Amino acid sequence: MKKATETASFLRSRLYSNSEGLLRSIYISKDGDVEQISSPIRAFVDDYAFLVRALLDLYEVTYDPGWIAWAAELQDRQDKLFWDEAEGAQKYFEFWVKSGRLGTAGIEHDYYCLELQNIA
């Protein structure tokens, strides 16, 4: 449980920001420091979905409301970035386009939206 908590804390502090959202990768500089490249690689829908699931699992073990709050925040952002209801699609797209519009070239996935607002 300690490693899971440390990992989630690392992800929150190093691979997430309110402005960029969830990021996909991080690098070790030549001097050994953890750093991000100038144009960070943003996370895909799978990254959001799996992290939300992991945070729900972590909450079930720790009962720390911070983990479920972050899971709800990530789910909300995932929905805003990847959910598409155009023409009745009601599916998540694999990636998003910088303009904020969802690309129809994306690979569709049939993910079910987690109903976190009733849990938090």
PDB file of N, CA and C in Angstrom:
ATOM      1  N   MET A   1       0.822  -1.182   0.000  1.00  0.00           N
ATOM      2  CA  MET A   1       0.000   0.000   0.000  1.00  0.00           C
ATOM      3  C   MET A   1       0.873   1.256   0.000  1.00  0.00           C
ATOM      4  N   LYS A   2       1.997   1.211   0.678  1.00  0.00           N
ATOM      5  CA  LYS A   2       2.887   2.361   0.729  1.00  0.00           C
ATOM      6  C   LYS A   2       3.395   2.718  -0.666  1.00  0.00           C
ATOM      7  N   LYS A   3       3.809   1.703  -1.439  1.00  0.00           N
ATOM      8  CA  LYS A   3       4.311   1.939  -2.802  1.00  0.00           C
ATOM      9  C   LYS A   3       3.206   2.501  -3.699  1.00  0.00           C
ATOM     10  N   ALA A   4       2.002   1.994  -3.557  1.00  0.00           N
ATOM     11  CA  ALA A   4       0.887   2.488  -4.370  1.00  0.00           C
ATOM     12  C   ALA A   4       0.603   3.955  -4.056  1.00  0.00           C
ATOM     13  N   THR A   5       0.627   4.314  -2.783  1.00  0.00           N
ATOM     14  CA  THR A   5       0.407   5.693  -2.379  1.00  0.00           C
ATOM     15  C   THR A   5       1.527   6.597  -2.888  1.00  0.00           C
ATOM     16  N   GLU A   6       2.766   6.129  -2.781  1.00  0.00           N
ATOM     17  CA  GLU A   6       3.905   6.909  -3.279  1.00  0.00           C
ATOM     18  C   GLU A   6       3.810   7.101  -4.792  1.00  0.00           C
ATOM     19  N   THR A   7       3.417   6.066  -5.496  1.00  0.00           N
ATOM     20  CA  THR A   7       3.296   6.147  -6.953  1.00  0.00           C
ATOM     21  C   THR A   7       2.201   7.133  -7.351  1.00  0.00           C
ATOM     22  N   ALA A   8       1.056   7.054  -6.713  1.00  0.00           N
ATOM     23  CA  ALA A   8      -0.039   7.979  -7.016  1.00  0.00           C
ATOM     24  C   ALA A   8       0.365   9.412  -6.702  1.00  0.00           C
ATOM     25  N   SER A   9       1.072   9.616  -5.605  1.00  0.00           N
ATOM     26  CA  SER A   9       1.552  10.958  -5.249  1.00  0.00           C
ATOM     27  C   SER A   9       2.537  11.482  -6.295  1.00  0.00           C
ATOM     28  N   PHE A  10       3.424  10.599  -6.768  1.00  0.00           N
ATOM     29  CA  PHE A  10       4.384  10.976  -7.805  1.00  0.00           C
ATOM     30  C   PHE A  10       3.647  11.372  -9.089  1.00  0.00           C
ATOM     31  N   LEU A  11       2.667  10.563  -9.479  1.00  0.00           N
ATOM     32  CA  LEU A  11       1.902  10.873 -10.685  1.00  0.00           C
ATOM     33  C   LEU A  11       1.216  12.226 -10.567  1.00  0.00           C
ATOM     34  N   ARG A  12       0.656  12.493  -9.411  1.00  0.00           N
ATOM     35  CA  ARG A  12      -0.050  13.767  -9.213  1.00  0.00           C
ATOM     36  C   ARG A  12       0.912  14.954  -9.249  1.00  0.00           C
ATOM     37  N   SER A  13       2.070  14.788  -8.643  1.00  0.00           N
ATOM     38  CA  SER A  13       3.001  15.927  -8.569  1.00  0.00           C
ATOM     39  C   SER A  13       3.831  16.109  -9.836  1.00  0.00           C
ATOM     40  N   ARG A  14       4.121  15.017 -10.570  1.00  0.00           N
ATOM     41  CA  ARG A  14       5.031  15.114 -11.714  1.00  0.00           C
ATOM     42  C   ARG A  14       4.374  14.936 -13.082  1.00  0.00           C
ATOM     43  N   LEU A  15       3.239  14.251 -13.132  1.00  0.00           N
ATOM     44  CA  LEU A  15       2.620  13.968 -14.428  1.00  0.00           C
ATOM     45  C   LEU A  15       1.199  14.513 -14.546  1.00  0.00           C
ATOM     46  N   TYR A  16       0.884  15.508 -13.737  1.00  0.00           N
ATOM     47  CA  TYR A  16      -0.434  16.109 -13.809  1.00  0.00           C
ATOM     48  C   TYR A  16      -0.330  17.588 -13.474  1.00  0.00           C
ATOM     49  N   SER A  17      -1.057  18.390 -14.233  1.00  0.00           N
ATOM     50  CA  SER A  17      -1.178  19.806 -13.897  1.00  0.00           C
ATOM     51  C   SER A  17      -2.574  20.261 -14.298  1.00  0.00           C
ATOM     52  N   ASN A  18      -3.071  21.269 -13.623  1.00  0.00           N
ATOM     53  CA  ASN A  18      -4.406  21.770 -13.947  1.00  0.00           C
ATOM     54  C   ASN A  18      -4.474  22.311 -15.362  1.00  0.00           C
ATOM     55  N   SER A  19      -3.375  22.886 -15.847  1.00  0.00           N
ATOM     56  CA  SER A  19      -3.385  23.467 -17.188  1.00  0.00           C
ATOM     57  C   SER A  19      -3.196  22.422 -18.287  1.00  0.00           C
ATOM     58  N   GLU A  20      -2.329  21.441 -18.085  1.00  0.00           N
ATOM     59  CA  GLU A  20      -2.021  20.441 -19.112  1.00  0.00           C
ATOM     60  C   GLU A  20      -2.857  19.172 -18.980  1.00  0.00           C
ATOM     61  N   GLY A  21      -3.368  18.894 -17.810  1.00  0.00           N
ATOM     62  CA  GLY A  21      -4.058  17.634 -17.574  1.00  0.00           C
ATOM     63  C   GLY A  21      -3.044  16.545 -17.260  1.00  0.00           C
ATOM     64  N   LEU A  22      -3.402  15.322 -17.552  1.00  0.00           N
ATOM     65  CA  LEU A  22      -2.531  14.177 -17.309  1.00  0.00           C
ATOM     66  C   LEU A  22      -1.528  14.073 -18.442  1.00  0.00           C
ATOM     67  N   LEU A  23      -0.276  13.850 -18.092  1.00  0.00           N
ATOM     68  CA  LEU A  23       0.784  13.729 -19.095  1.00  0.00           C
ATOM     69  C   LEU A  23       1.199  12.272 -19.214  1.00  0.00           C
ATOM     70  N   ARG A  24       1.728  11.915 -20.370  1.00  0.00           N
ATOM     71  CA  ARG A  24       2.019  10.518 -20.672  1.00  0.00           C
ATOM     72  C   ARG A  24       3.407  10.083 -20.247  1.00  0.00           C
ATOM     73  N   SER A  25       4.370  10.984 -20.220  1.00  0.00           N
ATOM     74  CA  SER A  25       5.745  10.570 -19.943  1.00  0.00           C
ATOM     75  C   SER A  25       6.513  11.656 -19.215  1.00  0.00           C
ATOM     76  N   ILE A  26       7.614  11.233 -18.636  1.00  0.00           N
ATOM     77  CA  ILE A  26       8.514  12.126 -17.912  1.00  0.00           C
ATOM     78  C   ILE A  26       9.923  11.586 -18.130  1.00  0.00           C
ATOM     79  N   TYR A  27      10.905  12.422 -17.987  1.00  0.00           N
ATOM     80  CA  TYR A  27      12.268  12.024 -18.324  1.00  0.00           C
ATOM     81  C   TYR A  27      13.237  12.309 -17.190  1.00  0.00           C
ATOM     82  N   ILE A  28      14.344  11.605 -17.202  1.00  0.00           N
ATOM     83  CA  ILE A  28      15.436  11.841 -16.263  1.00  0.00           C
ATOM     84  C   ILE A  28      16.508  12.630 -17.019  1.00  0.00           C
ATOM     85  N   SER A  29      16.887  13.768 -16.477  1.00  0.00           N
ATOM     86  CA  SER A  29      17.908  14.583 -17.122  1.00  0.00           C
ATOM     87  C   SER A  29      19.289  13.968 -16.908  1.00  0.00           C
ATOM     88  N   LYS A  30      20.279  14.531 -17.563  1.00  0.00           N
ATOM     89  CA  LYS A  30      21.650  14.024 -17.452  1.00  0.00           C
ATOM     90  C   LYS A  30      22.169  14.090 -16.018  1.00  0.00           C
ATOM     91  N   ASP A  31      21.680  15.069 -15.258  1.00  0.00           N
ATOM     92  CA  ASP A  31      22.132  15.181 -13.863  1.00  0.00           C
ATOM     93  C   ASP A  31      21.259  14.374 -12.892  1.00  0.00           C
ATOM     94  N   GLY A  32      20.294  13.598 -13.427  1.00  0.00           N
ATOM     95  CA  GLY A  32      19.502  12.700 -12.585  1.00  0.00           C
ATOM     96  C   GLY A  32      18.203  13.271 -12.067  1.00  0.00           C
ATOM     97  N   ASP A  33      17.890  14.508 -12.406  1.00  0.00           N
ATOM     98  CA  ASP A  33      16.634  15.111 -11.976  1.00  0.00           C
ATOM     99  C   ASP A  33      15.488  14.666 -12.885  1.00  0.00           C
ATOM    100  N   VAL A  34      14.294  14.597 -12.330  1.00  0.00           N
ATOM    101  CA  VAL A  34      13.110  14.284 -13.111  1.00  0.00           C
ATOM    102  C   VAL A  34      12.637  15.583 -13.743  1.00  0.00           C
ATOM    103  N   GLU A  35      12.394  15.541 -15.059  1.00  0.00           N
ATOM    104  CA  GLU A  35      11.952  16.752 -15.744  1.00  0.00           C
ATOM    105  C   GLU A  35      11.004  16.420 -16.889  1.00  0.00           C
ATOM    106  N   GLN A  36      10.341  17.433 -17.373  1.00  0.00           N
ATOM    107  CA  GLN A  36       9.409  17.306 -18.477  1.00  0.00           C
ATOM    108  C   GLN A  36      10.002  18.004 -19.693  1.00  0.00           C
ATOM    109  N   ILE A  37       9.720  17.514 -20.880  1.00  0.00           N
ATOM    110  CA  ILE A  37      10.196  18.173 -22.090  1.00  0.00           C
ATOM    111  C   ILE A  37       9.389  19.452 -22.320  1.00  0.00           C
ATOM    112  N   SER A  38       9.876  20.327 -23.200  1.00  0.00           N
ATOM    113  CA  SER A  38       9.223  21.616 -23.403  1.00  0.00           C
ATOM    114  C   SER A  38       7.817  21.479 -23.978  1.00  0.00           C
ATOM    115  N   SER A  39       7.573  20.457 -24.774  1.00  0.00           N
ATOM    116  CA  SER A  39       6.244  20.177 -25.307  1.00  0.00           C
ATOM    117  C   SER A  39       5.794  18.822 -24.776  1.00  0.00           C
ATOM    118  N   PRO A  40       5.184  18.783 -23.592  1.00  0.00           N
ATOM    119  CA  PRO A  40       4.840  17.504 -22.962  1.00  0.00           C
ATOM    120  C   PRO A  40       3.874  16.676 -23.804  1.00  0.00           C
ATOM    121  N   ILE A  41       3.981  15.370 -23.666  1.00  0.00           N
ATOM    122  CA  ILE A  41       3.086  14.441 -24.364  1.00  0.00           C
ATOM    123  C   ILE A  41       1.875  14.231 -23.467  1.00  0.00           C
ATOM    124  N   ARG A  42       0.727  14.619 -23.966  1.00  0.00           N
ATOM    125  CA  ARG A  42      -0.491  14.492 -23.169  1.00  0.00           C
ATOM    126  C   ARG A  42      -1.012  13.062 -23.192  1.00  0.00           C
ATOM    127  N   ALA A  43      -1.681  12.701 -22.140  1.00  0.00           N
ATOM    128  CA  ALA A  43      -2.183  11.336 -21.956  1.00  0.00           C
ATOM    129  C   ALA A  43      -3.317  11.014 -22.932  1.00  0.00           C
ATOM    130  N   PHE A  44      -3.467   9.714 -23.198  1.00  0.00           N
ATOM    131  CA  PHE A  44      -4.557   9.203 -24.024  1.00  0.00           C
ATOM    132  C   PHE A  44      -5.705   8.787 -23.105  1.00  0.00           C
ATOM    133  N   VAL A  45      -6.832   8.450 -23.706  1.00  0.00           N
ATOM    134  CA  VAL A  45      -8.011   8.062 -22.939  1.00  0.00           C
ATOM    135  C   VAL A  45      -7.714   6.858 -22.039  1.00  0.00           C
ATOM    136  N   ASP A  46      -6.923   5.903 -22.521  1.00  0.00           N
ATOM    137  CA  ASP A  46      -6.583   4.730 -21.702  1.00  0.00           C
ATOM    138  C   ASP A  46      -5.822   5.127 -20.446  1.00  0.00           C
ATOM    139  N   ASP A  47      -4.933   6.104 -20.566  1.00  0.00           N
ATOM    140  CA  ASP A  47      -4.161   6.557 -19.405  1.00  0.00           C
ATOM    141  C   ASP A  47      -5.088   7.112 -18.332  1.00  0.00           C
ATOM    142  N   TYR A  48      -6.055   7.913 -18.749  1.00  0.00           N
ATOM    143  CA  TYR A  48      -7.032   8.450 -17.793  1.00  0.00           C
ATOM    144  C   TYR A  48      -7.846   7.313 -17.166  1.00  0.00           C
ATOM    145  N   ALA A  49      -8.370   6.426 -18.008  1.00  0.00           N
ATOM    146  CA  ALA A  49      -9.247   5.357 -17.513  1.00  0.00           C
ATOM    147  C   ALA A  49      -8.540   4.453 -16.508  1.00  0.00           C
ATOM    148  N   PHE A  50      -7.313   4.040 -16.832  1.00  0.00           N
ATOM    149  CA  PHE A  50      -6.592   3.135 -15.937  1.00  0.00           C
ATOM    150  C   PHE A  50      -6.178   3.831 -14.642  1.00  0.00           C
ATOM    151  N   LEU A  51      -5.819   5.112 -14.722  1.00  0.00           N
ATOM    152  CA  LEU A  51      -5.457   5.828 -13.493  1.00  0.00           C
ATOM    153  C   LEU A  51      -6.679   6.055 -12.618  1.00  0.00           C
ATOM    154  N   VAL A  52      -7.804   6.379 -13.212  1.00  0.00           N
ATOM    155  CA  VAL A  52      -9.042   6.531 -12.425  1.00  0.00           C
ATOM    156  C   VAL A  52      -9.355   5.228 -11.695  1.00  0.00           C
ATOM    157  N   ARG A  53      -9.255   4.104 -12.401  1.00  0.00           N
ATOM    158  CA  ARG A  53      -9.515   2.796 -11.775  1.00  0.00           C
ATOM    159  C   ARG A  53      -8.533   2.541 -10.636  1.00  0.00           C
ATOM    160  N   ALA A  54      -7.267   2.851 -10.847  1.00  0.00           N
ATOM    161  CA  ALA A  54      -6.246   2.649  -9.808  1.00  0.00           C
ATOM    162  C   ALA A  54      -6.524   3.528  -8.596  1.00  0.00           C
ATOM    163  N   LEU A  55      -6.947   4.760  -8.819  1.00  0.00           N
ATOM    164  CA  LEU A  55      -7.249   5.658  -7.698  1.00  0.00           C
ATOM    165  C   LEU A  55      -8.465   5.184  -6.915  1.00  0.00           C
ATOM    166  N   LEU A  56      -9.444   4.621  -7.600  1.00  0.00           N
ATOM    167  CA  LEU A  56     -10.594   4.050  -6.895  1.00  0.00           C
ATOM    168  C   LEU A  56     -10.165   2.860  -6.037  1.00  0.00           C
ATOM    169  N   ASP A  57      -9.271   2.042  -6.591  1.00  0.00           N
ATOM    170  CA  ASP A  57      -8.733   0.914  -5.813  1.00  0.00           C
ATOM    171  C   ASP A  57      -7.946   1.414  -4.607  1.00  0.00           C
ATOM    172  N   LEU A  58      -7.146   2.457  -4.806  1.00  0.00           N
ATOM    173  CA  LEU A  58      -6.359   3.016  -3.707  1.00  0.00           C
ATOM    174  C   LEU A  58      -7.271   3.590  -2.622  1.00  0.00           C
ATOM    175  N   TYR A  59      -8.345   4.230  -3.038  1.00  0.00           N
ATOM    176  CA  TYR A  59      -9.313   4.735  -2.063  1.00  0.00           C
ATOM    177  C   TYR A  59      -9.911   3.598  -1.241  1.00  0.00           C
ATOM    178  N   GLU A  60     -10.238   2.490  -1.905  1.00  0.00           N
ATOM    179  CA  GLU A  60     -10.849   1.352  -1.198  1.00  0.00           C
ATOM    180  C   GLU A  60      -9.924   0.769  -0.134  1.00  0.00           C
ATOM    181  N   VAL A  61      -8.634   0.951  -0.304  1.00  0.00           N
ATOM    182  CA  VAL A  61      -7.666   0.417   0.654  1.00  0.00           C
ATOM    183  C   VAL A  61      -7.344   1.439   1.748  1.00  0.00           C
ATOM    184  N   THR A  62      -7.259   2.715   1.371  1.00  0.00           N
ATOM    185  CA  THR A  62      -6.816   3.738   2.327  1.00  0.00           C
ATOM    186  C   THR A  62      -7.948   4.557   2.938  1.00  0.00           C
ATOM    187  N   TYR A  63      -9.084   4.603   2.268  1.00  0.00           N
ATOM    188  CA  TYR A  63     -10.213   5.467   2.653  1.00  0.00           C
ATOM    189  C   TYR A  63      -9.820   6.935   2.723  1.00  0.00           C
ATOM    190  N   ASP A  64      -8.795   7.299   1.954  1.00  0.00           N
ATOM    191  CA  ASP A  64      -8.366   8.694   1.866  1.00  0.00           C
ATOM    192  C   ASP A  64      -9.233   9.382   0.809  1.00  0.00           C
ATOM    193  N   PRO A  65     -10.079  10.347   1.201  1.00  0.00           N
ATOM    194  CA  PRO A  65     -10.982  10.987   0.244  1.00  0.00           C
ATOM    195  C   PRO A  65     -10.255  11.770  -0.849  1.00  0.00           C
ATOM    196  N   GLY A  66      -8.983  12.078  -0.634  1.00  0.00           N
ATOM    197  CA  GLY A  66      -8.211  12.778  -1.657  1.00  0.00           C
ATOM    198  C   GLY A  66      -8.078  11.971  -2.944  1.00  0.00           C
ATOM    199  N   TRP A  67      -7.969  10.641  -2.799  1.00  0.00           N
ATOM    200  CA  TRP A  67      -7.806   9.798  -3.991  1.00  0.00           C
ATOM    201  C   TRP A  67      -9.093   9.739  -4.807  1.00  0.00           C
ATOM    202  N   ILE A  68     -10.214   9.665  -4.137  1.00  0.00           N
ATOM    203  CA  ILE A  68     -11.472   9.604  -4.886  1.00  0.00           C
ATOM    204  C   ILE A  68     -11.803  10.976  -5.482  1.00  0.00           C
ATOM    205  N   ALA A  69     -11.400  12.036  -4.812  1.00  0.00           N
ATOM    206  CA  ALA A  69     -11.601  13.379  -5.364  1.00  0.00           C
ATOM    207  C   ALA A  69     -10.774  13.566  -6.635  1.00  0.00           C
ATOM    208  N   TRP A  70      -9.528  13.095  -6.617  1.00  0.00           N
ATOM    209  CA  TRP A  70      -8.692  13.207  -7.808  1.00  0.00           C
ATOM    210  C   TRP A  70      -9.235  12.318  -8.932  1.00  0.00           C
ATOM    211  N   ALA A  71      -9.731  11.140  -8.581  1.00  0.00           N
ATOM    212  CA  ALA A  71     -10.333  10.246  -9.575  1.00  0.00           C
ATOM    213  C   ALA A  71     -11.521  10.942 -10.248  1.00  0.00           C
ATOM    214  N   ALA A  72     -12.351  11.611  -9.473  1.00  0.00           N
ATOM    215  CA  ALA A  72     -13.504  12.325 -10.032  1.00  0.00           C
ATOM    216  C   ALA A  72     -13.050  13.466 -10.936  1.00  0.00           C
ATOM    217  N   GLU A  73     -12.014  14.170 -10.524  1.00  0.00           N
ATOM    218  CA  GLU A  73     -11.459  15.262 -11.329  1.00  0.00           C
ATOM    219  C   GLU A  73     -10.917  14.733 -12.667  1.00  0.00           C
ATOM    220  N   LEU A  74     -10.190  13.625 -12.607  1.00  0.00           N
ATOM    221  CA  LEU A  74      -9.644  13.028 -13.827  1.00  0.00           C
ATOM    222  C   LEU A  74     -10.758  12.519 -14.738  1.00  0.00           C
ATOM    223  N   GLN A  75     -11.785  11.902 -14.154  1.00  0.00           N
ATOM    224  CA  GLN A  75     -12.897  11.407 -14.960  1.00  0.00           C
ATOM    225  C   GLN A  75     -13.602  12.555 -15.670  1.00  0.00           C
ATOM    226  N   ASP A  76     -13.778  13.663 -14.963  1.00  0.00           N
ATOM    227  CA  ASP A  76     -14.416  14.832 -15.562  1.00  0.00           C
ATOM    228  C   ASP A  76     -13.585  15.355 -16.729  1.00  0.00           C
ATOM    229  N   ARG A  77     -12.271  15.435 -16.534  1.00  0.00           N
ATOM    230  CA  ARG A  77     -11.393  15.911 -17.608  1.00  0.00           C
ATOM    231  C   ARG A  77     -11.389  14.925 -18.778  1.00  0.00           C
ATOM    232  N   GLN A  78     -11.379  13.640 -18.480  1.00  0.00           N
ATOM    233  CA  GLN A  78     -11.428  12.624 -19.535  1.00  0.00           C
ATOM    234  C   GLN A  78     -12.686  12.811 -20.382  1.00  0.00           C
ATOM    235  N   ASP A  79     -13.807  13.010 -19.724  1.00  0.00           N
ATOM    236  CA  ASP A  79     -15.060  13.212 -20.456  1.00  0.00           C
ATOM    237  C   ASP A  79     -14.993  14.453 -21.342  1.00  0.00           C
ATOM    238  N   LYS A  80     -14.442  15.537 -20.825  1.00  0.00           N
ATOM    239  CA  LYS A  80     -14.356  16.776 -21.597  1.00  0.00           C
ATOM    240  C   LYS A  80     -13.419  16.637 -22.791  1.00  0.00           C
ATOM    241  N   LEU A  81     -12.341  15.889 -22.635  1.00  0.00           N
ATOM    242  CA  LEU A  81     -11.360  15.758 -23.709  1.00  0.00           C
ATOM    243  C   LEU A  81     -11.729  14.705 -24.759  1.00  0.00           C
ATOM    244  N   PHE A  82     -12.318  13.606 -24.339  1.00  0.00           N
ATOM    245  CA  PHE A  82     -12.436  12.452 -25.232  1.00  0.00           C
ATOM    246  C   PHE A  82     -13.859  12.012 -25.576  1.00  0.00           C
ATOM    247  N   TRP A  83     -14.846  12.440 -24.805  1.00  0.00           N
ATOM    248  CA  TRP A  83     -16.211  11.954 -25.042  1.00  0.00           C
ATOM    249  C   TRP A  83     -16.802  12.667 -26.257  1.00  0.00           C
ATOM    250  N   ASP A  84     -17.450  11.908 -27.117  1.00  0.00           N
ATOM    251  CA  ASP A  84     -18.042  12.476 -28.316  1.00  0.00           C
ATOM    252  C   ASP A  84     -19.468  11.965 -28.467  1.00  0.00           C
ATOM    253  N   GLU A  85     -20.396  12.899 -28.507  1.00  0.00           N
ATOM    254  CA  GLU A  85     -21.791  12.533 -28.710  1.00  0.00           C
ATOM    255  C   GLU A  85     -22.273  12.956 -30.085  1.00  0.00           C
ATOM    256  N   ALA A  86     -21.370  13.448 -30.922  1.00  0.00           N
ATOM    257  CA  ALA A  86     -21.752  13.893 -32.254  1.00  0.00           C
ATOM    258  C   ALA A  86     -22.401  12.752 -33.027  1.00  0.00           C
ATOM    259  N   GLU A  87     -23.505  13.065 -33.635  1.00  0.00           N
ATOM    260  CA  GLU A  87     -24.227  12.099 -34.448  1.00  0.00           C
ATOM    261  C   GLU A  87     -24.544  10.813 -33.680  1.00  0.00           C
ATOM    262  N   GLY A  88     -24.775  10.944 -32.381  1.00  0.00           N
ATOM    263  CA  GLY A  88     -25.175   9.806 -31.569  1.00  0.00           C
ATOM    264  C   GLY A  88     -24.071   8.803 -31.290  1.00  0.00           C
ATOM    265  N   ALA A  89     -22.803   9.202 -31.459  1.00  0.00           N
ATOM    266  CA  ALA A  89     -21.684   8.264 -31.282  1.00  0.00           C
ATOM    267  C   ALA A  89     -21.610   7.736 -29.859  1.00  0.00           C
ATOM    268  N   GLN A  90     -21.678   8.609 -28.875  1.00  0.00           N
ATOM    269  CA  GLN A  90     -21.575   8.271 -27.465  1.00  0.00           C
ATOM    270  C   GLN A  90     -20.444   7.296 -27.190  1.00  0.00           C
ATOM    271  N   LYS A  91     -19.256   7.677 -27.595  1.00  0.00           N
ATOM    272  CA  LYS A  91     -18.059   6.869 -27.385  1.00  0.00           C
ATOM    273  C   LYS A  91     -16.904   7.776 -27.018  1.00  0.00           C
ATOM    274  N   TYR A  92     -15.880   7.162 -26.436  1.00  0.00           N
ATOM    275  CA  TYR A  92     -14.636   7.876 -26.194  1.00  0.00           C
ATOM    276  C   TYR A  92     -13.734   7.723 -27.406  1.00  0.00           C
ATOM    277  N   PHE A  93     -12.994   8.774 -27.710  1.00  0.00           N
ATOM    278  CA  PHE A  93     -11.978   8.701 -28.746  1.00  0.00           C
ATOM    279  C   PHE A  93     -10.625   8.493 -28.106  1.00  0.00           C
ATOM    280  N   GLU A  94      -9.720   7.866 -28.826  1.00  0.00           N
ATOM    281  CA  GLU A  94      -8.394   7.512 -28.320  1.00  0.00           C
ATOM    282  C   GLU A  94      -7.537   8.737 -28.008  1.00  0.00           C
ATOM    283  N   PHE A  95      -7.654   9.782 -28.782  1.00  0.00           N
ATOM    284  CA  PHE A  95      -6.816  10.959 -28.576  1.00  0.00           C
ATOM    285  C   PHE A  95      -7.627  12.210 -28.843  1.00  0.00           C
ATOM    286  N   TRP A  96      -7.053  13.343 -28.495  1.00  0.00           N
ATOM    287  CA  TRP A  96      -7.728  14.611 -28.718  1.00  0.00           C
ATOM    288  C   TRP A  96      -6.832  15.502 -29.555  1.00  0.00           C
ATOM    289  N   VAL A  97      -7.435  16.515 -30.141  1.00  0.00           N
ATOM    290  CA  VAL A  97      -6.726  17.449 -31.004  1.00  0.00           C
ATOM    291  C   VAL A  97      -6.511  18.738 -30.229  1.00  0.00           C
ATOM    292  N   LYS A  98      -5.388  19.428 -30.468  1.00  0.00           N
ATOM    293  CA  LYS A  98      -5.029  20.625 -29.700  1.00  0.00           C
ATOM    294  C   LYS A  98      -6.123  21.681 -29.669  1.00  0.00           C
ATOM    295  N   SER A  99      -6.902  21.789 -30.736  1.00  0.00           N
ATOM    296  CA  SER A  99      -7.944  22.809 -30.793  1.00  0.00           C
ATOM    297  C   SER A  99      -9.036  22.561 -29.758  1.00  0.00           C
ATOM    298  N   GLY A 100      -9.022  21.374 -29.157  1.00  0.00           N
ATOM    299  CA  GLY A 100     -10.057  21.041 -28.199  1.00  0.00           C
ATOM    300  C   GLY A 100     -11.198  20.258 -28.832  1.00  0.00           C
ATOM    301  N   ARG A 101     -11.205  20.183 -30.171  1.00  0.00           N
ATOM    302  CA  ARG A 101     -12.227  19.405 -30.861  1.00  0.00           C
ATOM    303  C   ARG A 101     -11.739  17.974 -30.999  1.00  0.00           C
ATOM    304  N   LEU A 102     -12.637  17.064 -30.863  1.00  0.00           N
ATOM    305  CA  LEU A 102     -12.279  15.655 -30.984  1.00  0.00           C
ATOM    306  C   LEU A 102     -12.086  15.278 -32.440  1.00  0.00           C
ATOM    307  N   GLY A 103     -11.038  14.535 -32.720  1.00  0.00           N
ATOM    308  CA  GLY A 103     -10.747  14.119 -34.086  1.00  0.00           C
ATOM    309  C   GLY A 103     -11.526  12.875 -34.460  1.00  0.00           C
ATOM    310  N   THR A 104     -12.193  12.909 -35.600  1.00  0.00           N
ATOM    311  CA  THR A 104     -12.946  11.741 -36.029  1.00  0.00           C
ATOM    312  C   THR A 104     -12.023  10.644 -36.532  1.00  0.00           C
ATOM    313  N   ALA A 105     -10.742  10.964 -36.689  1.00  0.00           N
ATOM    314  CA  ALA A 105      -9.787   9.944 -37.101  1.00  0.00           C
ATOM    315  C   ALA A 105      -9.383   9.053 -35.929  1.00  0.00           C
ATOM    316  N   GLY A 106      -9.817   9.406 -34.735  1.00  0.00           N
ATOM    317  CA  GLY A 106      -9.460   8.639 -33.551  1.00  0.00           C
ATOM    318  C   GLY A 106     -10.055   7.245 -33.569  1.00  0.00           C
ATOM    319  N   ILE A 107      -9.428   6.362 -32.843  1.00  0.00           N
ATOM    320  CA  ILE A 107      -9.939   5.002 -32.701  1.00  0.00           C
ATOM    321  C   ILE A 107     -10.973   5.008 -31.588  1.00  0.00           C
ATOM    322  N   GLU A 108     -12.157   4.536 -31.858  1.00  0.00           N
ATOM    323  CA  GLU A 108     -13.226   4.579 -30.865  1.00  0.00           C
ATOM    324  C   GLU A 108     -13.132   3.403 -29.898  1.00  0.00           C
ATOM    325  N   HIS A 109     -13.492   3.673 -28.668  1.00  0.00           N
ATOM    326  CA  HIS A 109     -13.536   2.640 -27.631  1.00  0.00           C
ATOM    327  C   HIS A 109     -14.878   2.721 -26.925  1.00  0.00           C
ATOM    328  N   ASP A 110     -15.409   1.593 -26.551  1.00  0.00           N
ATOM    329  CA  ASP A 110     -16.664   1.539 -25.820  1.00  0.00           C
ATOM    330  C   ASP A 110     -16.400   1.495 -24.318  1.00  0.00           C
ATOM    331  N   TYR A 111     -15.944   2.590 -23.754  1.00  0.00           N
ATOM    332  CA  TYR A 111     -15.725   2.668 -22.320  1.00  0.00           C
ATOM    333  C   TYR A 111     -16.992   3.162 -21.647  1.00  0.00           C
ATOM    334  N   TYR A 112     -17.191   2.701 -20.473  1.00  0.00           N
ATOM    335  CA  TYR A 112     -18.327   3.179 -19.703  1.00  0.00           C
ATOM    336  C   TYR A 112     -17.857   4.256 -18.745  1.00  0.00           C
ATOM    337  N   CYS A 113     -18.603   5.311 -18.697  1.00  0.00           N
ATOM    338  CA  CYS A 113     -18.270   6.445 -17.835  1.00  0.00           C
ATOM    339  C   CYS A 113     -18.532   6.062 -16.381  1.00  0.00           C
ATOM    340  N   LEU A 114     -17.563   6.324 -15.531  1.00  0.00           N
ATOM    341  CA  LEU A 114     -17.745   6.053 -14.110  1.00  0.00           C
ATOM    342  C   LEU A 114     -18.610   7.128 -13.471  1.00  0.00           C
ATOM    343  N   GLU A 115     -19.539   6.720 -12.693  1.00  0.00           N
ATOM    344  CA  GLU A 115     -20.421   7.647 -12.015  1.00  0.00           C
ATOM    345  C   GLU A 115     -19.815   8.011 -10.658  1.00  0.00           C
ATOM    346  N   LEU A 116     -18.865   8.919 -10.667  1.00  0.00           N
ATOM    347  CA  LEU A 116     -18.132   9.251  -9.442  1.00  0.00           C
ATOM    348  C   LEU A 116     -18.825  10.300  -8.590  1.00  0.00           C
ATOM    349  N   GLN A 117     -19.676  11.126  -9.208  1.00  0.00           N
ATOM    350  CA  GLN A 117     -20.279  12.197  -8.420  1.00  0.00           C
ATOM    351  C   GLN A 117     -21.107  11.656  -7.267  1.00  0.00           C
ATOM    352  N   ASN A 118     -21.652  10.453  -7.375  1.00  0.00           N
ATOM    353  CA  ASN A 118     -22.435   9.874  -6.285  1.00  0.00           C
ATOM    354  C   ASN A 118     -21.560   9.275  -5.196  1.00  0.00           C
ATOM    355  N   ILE A 119     -20.287   9.028  -5.484  1.00  0.00           N
ATOM    356  CA  ILE A 119     -19.382   8.412  -4.523  1.00  0.00           C
ATOM    357  C   ILE A 119     -18.677   9.473  -3.685  1.00  0.00           C
ATOM    358  N   ALA A 120     -18.246  10.549  -4.344  1.00  0.00           N
ATOM    359  CA  ALA A 120     -17.399  11.570  -3.683  1.00  0.00           C
ATOM    360  C   ALA A 120     -18.114  12.378  -2.657  1.00  0.00           C
TER     361      ALA A 120
END
